[in-house]
PDB file of N, CA and C in Angstrom:
ATOM      1  N   MET A   1      63.531-105.259 -78.889  1.00  0.00           N
ATOM      2  CA  MET A   1      63.493-105.543 -77.467  1.00  0.00           C
ATOM      3  C   MET A   1      62.043-105.455 -76.991  1.00  0.00           C
ATOM      4  N   PRO A   2      61.586-106.454 -76.259  1.00  0.00           N
ATOM      5  CA  PRO A   2      60.211-106.409 -75.746  1.00  0.00           C
ATOM      6  C   PRO A   2      60.013-105.227 -74.790  1.00  0.00           C
ATOM      7  N   ALA A   3      58.774-104.872 -74.606  1.00  0.00           N
ATOM      8  CA  ALA A   3      58.431-103.730 -73.762  1.00  0.00           C
ATOM      9  C   ALA A   3      58.795-103.991 -72.305  1.00  0.00           C
ATOM     10  N   THR A   4      59.253-102.965 -71.641  1.00  0.00           N
ATOM     11  CA  THR A   4      59.537-103.058 -70.214  1.00  0.00           C
ATOM     12  C   THR A   4      58.497-102.252 -69.461  1.00  0.00           C
ATOM     13  N   ILE A   5      58.243-102.679 -68.249  1.00  0.00           N
ATOM     14  CA  ILE A   5      57.303-101.974 -67.378  1.00  0.00           C
ATOM     15  C   ILE A   5      57.961-101.800 -66.016  1.00  0.00           C
ATOM     16  N   LYS A   6      57.364-100.971 -65.199  1.00  0.00           N
ATOM     17  CA  LYS A   6      57.846-100.820 -63.826  1.00  0.00           C
ATOM     18  C   LYS A   6      57.470-102.063 -63.026  1.00  0.00           C
ATOM     19  N   LEU A   7      58.328-102.448 -62.115  1.00  0.00           N
ATOM     20  CA  LEU A   7      58.044-103.604 -61.274  1.00  0.00           C
ATOM     21  C   LEU A   7      56.748-103.401 -60.500  1.00  0.00           C
ATOM     22  N   SER A   8      56.453-102.174 -60.117  1.00  0.00           N
ATOM     23  CA  SER A   8      55.231-101.893 -59.365  1.00  0.00           C
ATOM     24  C   SER A   8      53.974-102.122 -60.191  1.00  0.00           C
ATOM     25  N   ALA A   9      54.093-102.195 -61.528  1.00  0.00           N
ATOM     26  CA  ALA A   9      52.937-102.401 -62.402  1.00  0.00           C
ATOM     27  C   ALA A   9      52.719-103.871 -62.737  1.00  0.00           C
ATOM     28  N   LEU A  10      53.579-104.748 -62.267  1.00  0.00           N
ATOM     29  CA  LEU A  10      53.447-106.175 -62.543  1.00  0.00           C
ATOM     30  C   LEU A  10      52.211-106.721 -61.826  1.00  0.00           C
ATOM     31  N   ALA A  11      51.486-107.601 -62.490  1.00  0.00           N
ATOM     32  CA  ALA A  11      50.273-108.182 -61.905  1.00  0.00           C
ATOM     33  C   ALA A  11      50.636-109.247 -60.870  1.00  0.00           C
ATOM     34  N   VAL A  12      49.796-109.395 -59.867  1.00  0.00           N
ATOM     35  CA  VAL A  12      50.007-110.412 -58.837  1.00  0.00           C
ATOM     36  C   VAL A  12      50.023-111.786 -59.495  1.00  0.00           C
ATOM     37  N   GLY A  13      51.033-112.581 -59.165  1.00  0.00           N
ATOM     38  CA  GLY A  13      51.179-113.914 -59.731  1.00  0.00           C
ATOM     39  C   GLY A  13      52.007-113.950 -61.003  1.00  0.00           C
ATOM     40  N   ALA A  14      52.319-112.795 -61.562  1.00  0.00           N
ATOM     41  CA  ALA A  14      53.087-112.731 -62.804  1.00  0.00           C
ATOM     42  C   ALA A  14      54.582-112.800 -62.525  1.00  0.00           C
ATOM     43  N   SER A  15      55.309-113.261 -63.531  1.00  0.00           N
ATOM     44  CA  SER A  15      56.763-113.344 -63.453  1.00  0.00           C
ATOM     45  C   SER A  15      57.370-112.388 -64.465  1.00  0.00           C
ATOM     46  N   ALA A  16      58.610-112.005 -64.212  1.00  0.00           N
ATOM     47  CA  ALA A  16      59.312-111.087 -65.105  1.00  0.00           C
ATOM     48  C   ALA A  16      60.811-111.253 -64.901  1.00  0.00           C
ATOM     49  N   THR A  17      61.556-110.588 -65.756  1.00  0.00           N
ATOM     50  CA  THR A  17      63.011-110.548 -65.645  1.00  0.00           C
ATOM     51  C   THR A  17      63.422-109.105 -65.451  1.00  0.00           C
ATOM     52  N   VAL A  18      64.270-108.852 -64.474  1.00  0.00           N
ATOM     53  CA  VAL A  18      64.751-107.491 -64.216  1.00  0.00           C
ATOM     54  C   VAL A  18      65.604-107.066 -65.401  1.00  0.00           C
ATOM     55  N   ARG A  19      65.324-105.896 -65.946  1.00  0.00           N
ATOM     56  CA  ARG A  19      66.090-105.359 -67.070  1.00  0.00           C
ATOM     57  C   ARG A  19      66.964-104.185 -66.664  1.00  0.00           C
ATOM     58  N   GLU A  20      66.499-103.371 -65.719  1.00  0.00           N
ATOM     59  CA  GLU A  20      67.289-102.197 -65.348  1.00  0.00           C
ATOM     60  C   GLU A  20      66.946-101.740 -63.938  1.00  0.00           C
ATOM     61  N   VAL A  21      67.991-101.462 -63.187  1.00  0.00           N
ATOM     62  CA  VAL A  21      67.860-100.810 -61.891  1.00  0.00           C
ATOM     63  C   VAL A  21      68.745 -99.572 -61.985  1.00  0.00           C
ATOM     64  N   PRO A  22      68.163 -98.403 -62.211  1.00  0.00           N
ATOM     65  CA  PRO A  22      68.964 -97.194 -62.417  1.00  0.00           C
ATOM     66  C   PRO A  22      69.880 -96.902 -61.231  1.00  0.00           C
ATOM     67  N   ALA A  23      71.109 -96.517 -61.549  1.00  0.00           N
ATOM     68  CA  ALA A  23      72.092 -96.215 -60.507  1.00  0.00           C
ATOM     69  C   ALA A  23      71.680 -95.005 -59.676  1.00  0.00           C
ATOM     70  N   ASN A  24      70.759 -94.187 -60.184  1.00  0.00           N
ATOM     71  CA  ASN A  24      70.313 -93.023 -59.419  1.00  0.00           C
ATOM     72  C   ASN A  24      69.084 -93.335 -58.561  1.00  0.00           C
ATOM     73  N   ALA A  25      68.662 -94.609 -58.547  1.00  0.00           N
ATOM     74  CA  ALA A  25      67.530 -95.000 -57.697  1.00  0.00           C
ATOM     75  C   ALA A  25      67.936 -94.827 -56.235  1.00  0.00           C
ATOM     76  N   PRO A  26      67.003 -94.382 -55.385  1.00  0.00           N
ATOM     77  CA  PRO A  26      67.336 -94.105 -53.984  1.00  0.00           C
ATOM     78  C   PRO A  26      67.955 -95.289 -53.233  1.00  0.00           C
ATOM     79  N   ALA A  27      67.553 -96.501 -53.568  1.00  0.00           N
ATOM     80  CA  ALA A  27      68.040 -97.667 -52.831  1.00  0.00           C
ATOM     81  C   ALA A  27      68.864 -98.588 -53.733  1.00  0.00           C
ATOM     82  N   PHE A  28      69.599 -98.033 -54.686  1.00  0.00           N
ATOM     83  CA  PHE A  28      70.337 -98.827 -55.673  1.00  0.00           C
ATOM     84  C   PHE A  28      71.252 -99.870 -55.023  1.00  0.00           C
ATOM     85  N   LEU A  29      72.069 -99.462 -54.085  1.00  0.00           N
ATOM     86  CA  LEU A  29      72.991-100.410 -53.442  1.00  0.00           C
ATOM     87  C   LEU A  29      72.235-101.484 -52.670  1.00  0.00           C
ATOM     88  N   ARG A  30      71.176-101.102 -52.017  1.00  0.00           N
ATOM     89  CA  ARG A  30      70.377-102.074 -51.265  1.00  0.00           C
ATOM     90  C   ARG A  30      69.738-103.088 -52.216  1.00  0.00           C
ATOM     91  N   PHE A  31      69.249-102.628 -53.367  1.00  0.00           N
ATOM     92  CA  PHE A  31      68.683-103.539 -54.367  1.00  0.00           C
ATOM     93  C   PHE A  31      69.725-104.555 -54.816  1.00  0.00           C
ATOM     94  N   ARG A  32      70.932-104.082 -55.097  1.00  0.00           N
ATOM     95  CA  ARG A  32      72.000-104.986 -55.539  1.00  0.00           C
ATOM     96  C   ARG A  32      72.325-106.017 -54.469  1.00  0.00           C
ATOM     97  N   GLU A  33      72.391-105.589 -53.224  1.00  0.00           N
ATOM     98  CA  GLU A  33      72.692-106.512 -52.131  1.00  0.00           C
ATOM     99  C   GLU A  33      71.609-107.566 -51.963  1.00  0.00           C
ATOM    100  N   MET A  34      70.369-107.228 -52.326  1.00  0.00           N
ATOM    101  CA  MET A  34      69.256-108.157 -52.190  1.00  0.00           C
ATOM    102  C   MET A  34      69.084-109.040 -53.428  1.00  0.00           C
ATOM    103  N   GLY A  35      69.908-108.861 -54.446  1.00  0.00           N
ATOM    104  CA  GLY A  35      69.841-109.710 -55.620  1.00  0.00           C
ATOM    105  C   GLY A  35      69.014-109.181 -56.769  1.00  0.00           C
ATOM    106  N   LEU A  36      68.537-107.955 -56.677  1.00  0.00           N
ATOM    107  CA  LEU A  36      67.755-107.370 -57.773  1.00  0.00           C
ATOM    108  C   LEU A  36      68.709-106.773 -58.806  1.00  0.00           C
ATOM    109  N   LEU A  37      69.280-107.648 -59.618  1.00  0.00           N
ATOM    110  CA  LEU A  37      70.222-107.256 -60.653  1.00  0.00           C
ATOM    111  C   LEU A  37      69.609-107.520 -62.014  1.00  0.00           C
ATOM    112  N   ALA A  38      70.128-106.867 -63.045  1.00  0.00           N
ATOM    113  CA  ALA A  38      69.651-107.113 -64.400  1.00  0.00           C
ATOM    114  C   ALA A  38      69.792-108.591 -64.725  1.00  0.00           C
ATOM    115  N   GLY A  39      68.734-109.174 -65.256  1.00  0.00           N
ATOM    116  CA  GLY A  39      68.725-110.584 -65.609  1.00  0.00           C
ATOM    117  C   GLY A  39      68.128-111.493 -64.550  1.00  0.00           C
ATOM    118  N   ALA A  40      67.878-110.974 -63.362  1.00  0.00           N
ATOM    119  CA  ALA A  40      67.321-111.791 -62.279  1.00  0.00           C
ATOM    120  C   ALA A  40      65.824-112.015 -62.497  1.00  0.00           C
ATOM    121  N   PRO A  41      65.371-113.261 -62.358  1.00  0.00           N
ATOM    122  CA  PRO A  41      63.927-113.518 -62.468  1.00  0.00           C
ATOM    123  C   PRO A  41      63.214-113.122 -61.171  1.00  0.00           C
ATOM    124  N   VAL A  42      62.059-112.500 -61.302  1.00  0.00           N
ATOM    125  CA  VAL A  42      61.253-112.109 -60.145  1.00  0.00           C
ATOM    126  C   VAL A  42      59.803-112.501 -60.381  1.00  0.00           C
ATOM    127  N   SER A  43      59.080-112.732 -59.304  1.00  0.00           N
ATOM    128  CA  SER A  43      57.640-112.986 -59.360  1.00  0.00           C
ATOM    129  C   SER A  43      56.975-112.142 -58.295  1.00  0.00           C
ATOM    130  N   LEU A  44      55.834-111.565 -58.625  1.00  0.00           N
ATOM    131  CA  LEU A  44      55.075-110.802 -57.640  1.00  0.00           C
ATOM    132  C   LEU A  44      54.132-111.758 -56.938  1.00  0.00           C
ATOM    133  N   VAL A  45      54.365-111.998 -55.654  1.00  0.00           N
ATOM    134  CA  VAL A  45      53.570-112.950 -54.882  1.00  0.00           C
ATOM    135  C   VAL A  45      52.260-112.317 -54.455  1.00  0.00           C
ATOM    136  N   ARG A  46      52.341-111.152 -53.845  1.00  0.00           N
ATOM    137  CA  ARG A  46      51.134-110.445 -53.399  1.00  0.00           C
ATOM    138  C   ARG A  46      51.477-109.021 -53.013  1.00  0.00           C
ATOM    139  N   THR A  47      50.416-108.230 -52.843  1.00  0.00           N
ATOM    140  CA  THR A  47      50.563-106.860 -52.368  1.00  0.00           C
ATOM    141  C   THR A  47      49.772-106.725 -51.071  1.00  0.00           C
ATOM    142  N   ALA A  48      50.129-105.748 -50.297  1.00  0.00           N
ATOM    143  CA  ALA A  48      49.382-105.469 -49.077  1.00  0.00           C
ATOM    144  C   ALA A  48      47.990-104.943 -49.460  1.00  0.00           C
ATOM    145  N   PRO A  49      47.049-104.960 -48.539  1.00  0.00           N
ATOM    146  CA  PRO A  49      45.680-104.529 -48.858  1.00  0.00           C
ATOM    147  C   PRO A  49      45.576-103.143 -49.507  1.00  0.00           C
ATOM    148  N   LEU A  50      46.439-102.226 -49.138  1.00  0.00           N
ATOM    149  CA  LEU A  50      46.393-100.896 -49.741  1.00  0.00           C
ATOM    150  C   LEU A  50      47.385-100.742 -50.891  1.00  0.00           C
ATOM    151  N   GLY A  51      48.004-101.858 -51.316  1.00  0.00           N
ATOM    152  CA  GLY A  51      48.909-101.823 -52.454  1.00  0.00           C
ATOM    153  C   GLY A  51      50.368-101.575 -52.129  1.00  0.00           C
ATOM    154  N   ASP A  52      50.701-101.402 -50.880  1.00  0.00           N
ATOM    155  CA  ASP A  52      52.079-101.109 -50.499  1.00  0.00           C
ATOM    156  C   ASP A  52      52.358-101.744 -49.147  1.00  0.00           C
ATOM    157  N   PRO A  53      53.339-102.578 -48.978  1.00  0.00           N
ATOM    158  CA  PRO A  53      54.436-102.960 -49.853  1.00  0.00           C
ATOM    159  C   PRO A  53      54.093-104.134 -50.768  1.00  0.00           C
ATOM    160  N   LEU A  54      55.085-104.526 -51.583  1.00  0.00           N
ATOM    161  CA  LEU A  54      54.953-105.643 -52.518  1.00  0.00           C
ATOM    162  C   LEU A  54      55.824-106.798 -52.037  1.00  0.00           C
ATOM    163  N   GLU A  55      55.310-108.022 -52.128  1.00  0.00           N
ATOM    164  CA  GLU A  55      56.102-109.195 -51.780  1.00  0.00           C
ATOM    165  C   GLU A  55      56.520-109.883 -53.077  1.00  0.00           C
ATOM    166  N   LEU A  56      57.825-110.059 -53.235  1.00  0.00           N
ATOM    167  CA  LEU A  56      58.396-110.656 -54.436  1.00  0.00           C
ATOM    168  C   LEU A  56      59.118-111.945 -54.095  1.00  0.00           C
ATOM    169  N   THR A  57      59.284-112.786 -55.088  1.00  0.00           N
ATOM    170  CA  THR A  57      60.192-113.919 -54.982  1.00  0.00           C
ATOM    171  C   THR A  57      61.362-113.607 -55.903  1.00  0.00           C
ATOM    172  N   VAL A  58      62.560-113.560 -55.317  1.00  0.00           N
ATOM    173  CA  VAL A  58      63.777-113.255 -56.055  1.00  0.00           C
ATOM    174  C   VAL A  58      64.838-114.265 -55.662  1.00  0.00           C
ATOM    175  N   ARG A  59      65.379-114.977 -56.627  1.00  0.00           N
ATOM    176  CA  ARG A  59      66.477-115.916 -56.388  1.00  0.00           C
ATOM    177  C   ARG A  59      66.192-116.899 -55.256  1.00  0.00           C
ATOM    178  N   GLY A  60      64.926-117.346 -55.172  1.00  0.00           N
ATOM    179  CA  GLY A  60      64.562-118.373 -54.205  1.00  0.00           C
ATOM    180  C   GLY A  60      64.176-117.899 -52.828  1.00  0.00           C
ATOM    181  N   TYR A  61      64.066-116.610 -52.608  1.00  0.00           N
ATOM    182  CA  TYR A  61      63.613-116.124 -51.301  1.00  0.00           C
ATOM    183  C   TYR A  61      62.568-115.029 -51.486  1.00  0.00           C
ATOM    184  N   HIS A  62      61.828-114.764 -50.441  1.00  0.00           N
ATOM    185  CA  HIS A  62      60.781-113.741 -50.476  1.00  0.00           C
ATOM    186  C   HIS A  62      61.374-112.417 -50.017  1.00  0.00           C
ATOM    187  N   LEU A  63      61.046-111.380 -50.750  1.00  0.00           N
ATOM    188  CA  LEU A  63      61.547-110.042 -50.495  1.00  0.00           C
ATOM    189  C   LEU A  63      60.365-109.084 -50.509  1.00  0.00           C
ATOM    190  N   THR A  64      60.314-108.201 -49.548  1.00  0.00           N
ATOM    191  CA  THR A  64      59.259-107.196 -49.488  1.00  0.00           C
ATOM    192  C   THR A  64      59.894-105.829 -49.686  1.00  0.00           C
ATOM    193  N   ILE A  65      59.381-105.085 -50.676  1.00  0.00           N
ATOM    194  CA  ILE A  65      59.884-103.734 -50.918  1.00  0.00           C
ATOM    195  C   ILE A  65      58.714-102.766 -51.050  1.00  0.00           C
ATOM    196  N   ARG A  66      59.014-101.503 -50.836  1.00  0.00           N
ATOM    197  CA  ARG A  66      57.991-100.471 -50.969  1.00  0.00           C
ATOM    198  C   ARG A  66      57.649-100.243 -52.435  1.00  0.00           C
ATOM    199  N   LYS A  67      56.427 -99.866 -52.672  1.00  0.00           N
ATOM    200  CA  LYS A  67      55.971 -99.600 -54.039  1.00  0.00           C
ATOM    201  C   LYS A  67      56.766 -98.452 -54.657  1.00  0.00           C
ATOM    202  N   ALA A  68      57.093 -97.449 -53.871  1.00  0.00           N
ATOM    203  CA  ALA A  68      57.876 -96.318 -54.377  1.00  0.00           C
ATOM    204  C   ALA A  68      59.244 -96.776 -54.858  1.00  0.00           C
ATOM    205  N   ASP A  69      59.841 -97.762 -54.192  1.00  0.00           N
ATOM    206  CA  ASP A  69      61.121 -98.300 -54.638  1.00  0.00           C
ATOM    207  C   ASP A  69      60.939 -99.149 -55.892  1.00  0.00           C
ATOM    208  N   ALA A  70      59.843 -99.902 -55.964  1.00  0.00           N
ATOM    209  CA  ALA A  70      59.572-100.747 -57.133  1.00  0.00           C
ATOM    210  C   ALA A  70      59.322 -99.909 -58.385  1.00  0.00           C
ATOM    211  N   ASP A  71      58.943 -98.659 -58.213  1.00  0.00           N
ATOM    212  CA  ASP A  71      58.729 -97.771 -59.363  1.00  0.00           C
ATOM    213  C   ASP A  71      60.016 -97.516 -60.141  1.00  0.00           C
ATOM    214  N   HIS A  72      61.173 -97.702 -59.514  1.00  0.00           N
ATOM    215  CA  HIS A  72      62.461 -97.430 -60.154  1.00  0.00           C
ATOM    216  C   HIS A  72      63.015 -98.633 -60.917  1.00  0.00           C
ATOM    217  N   ILE A  73      62.453 -99.810 -60.705  1.00  0.00           N
ATOM    218  CA  ILE A  73      62.983-101.030 -61.306  1.00  0.00           C
ATOM    219  C   ILE A  73      62.179-101.379 -62.556  1.00  0.00           C
ATOM    220  N   LEU A  74      62.875-101.541 -63.679  1.00  0.00           N
ATOM    221  CA  LEU A  74      62.214-101.901 -64.943  1.00  0.00           C
ATOM    222  C   LEU A  74      62.349-103.398 -65.164  1.00  0.00           C
ATOM    223  N   VAL A  75      61.245-104.035 -65.530  1.00  0.00           N
ATOM    224  CA  VAL A  75      61.237-105.477 -65.768  1.00  0.00           C
ATOM    225  C   VAL A  75      60.597-105.783 -67.117  1.00  0.00           C
ATOM    226  N   GLU A  76      60.921-106.954 -67.644  1.00  0.00           N
ATOM    227  CA  GLU A  76      60.320-107.445 -68.869  1.00  0.00           C
ATOM    228  C   GLU A  76      59.407-108.603 -68.484  1.00  0.00           C
ATOM    229  N   PRO A  77      58.096-108.445 -68.623  1.00  0.00           N
ATOM    230  CA  PRO A  77      57.166-109.522 -68.239  1.00  0.00           C
ATOM    231  C   PRO A  77      57.439-110.806 -69.021  1.00  0.00           C
ATOM    232  N   ALA A  78      57.281-111.930 -68.351  1.00  0.00           N
ATOM    233  CA  ALA A  78      57.443-113.227 -69.005  1.00  0.00           C
ATOM    234  C   ALA A  78      56.242-113.471 -69.925  1.00  0.00           C
ATOM    235  N   PRO A  79      56.472-114.126 -71.054  1.00  0.00           N
ATOM    236  CA  PRO A  79      55.361-114.384 -71.988  1.00  0.00           C
ATOM    237  C   PRO A  79      54.356-115.368 -71.425  1.00  0.00           C
TER     238      PRO A  79
END
């Protein structure tokens, strides 16, 4: 299995596939409702000037989440 990284560590402009959203994550249900499920493709569009929040593209729409929440989501970077 290729290496996974935290979503918060993804480089701006990079794409990845969500591999795991732990059920004990503080916003687990909210992530699921927003489409951040295992297997979903995501791209990091940009970060705020101080690095928080992060703007993502998920399932065709833009989503902004806090960096602390992105620390709980594991992704597999696209080659």
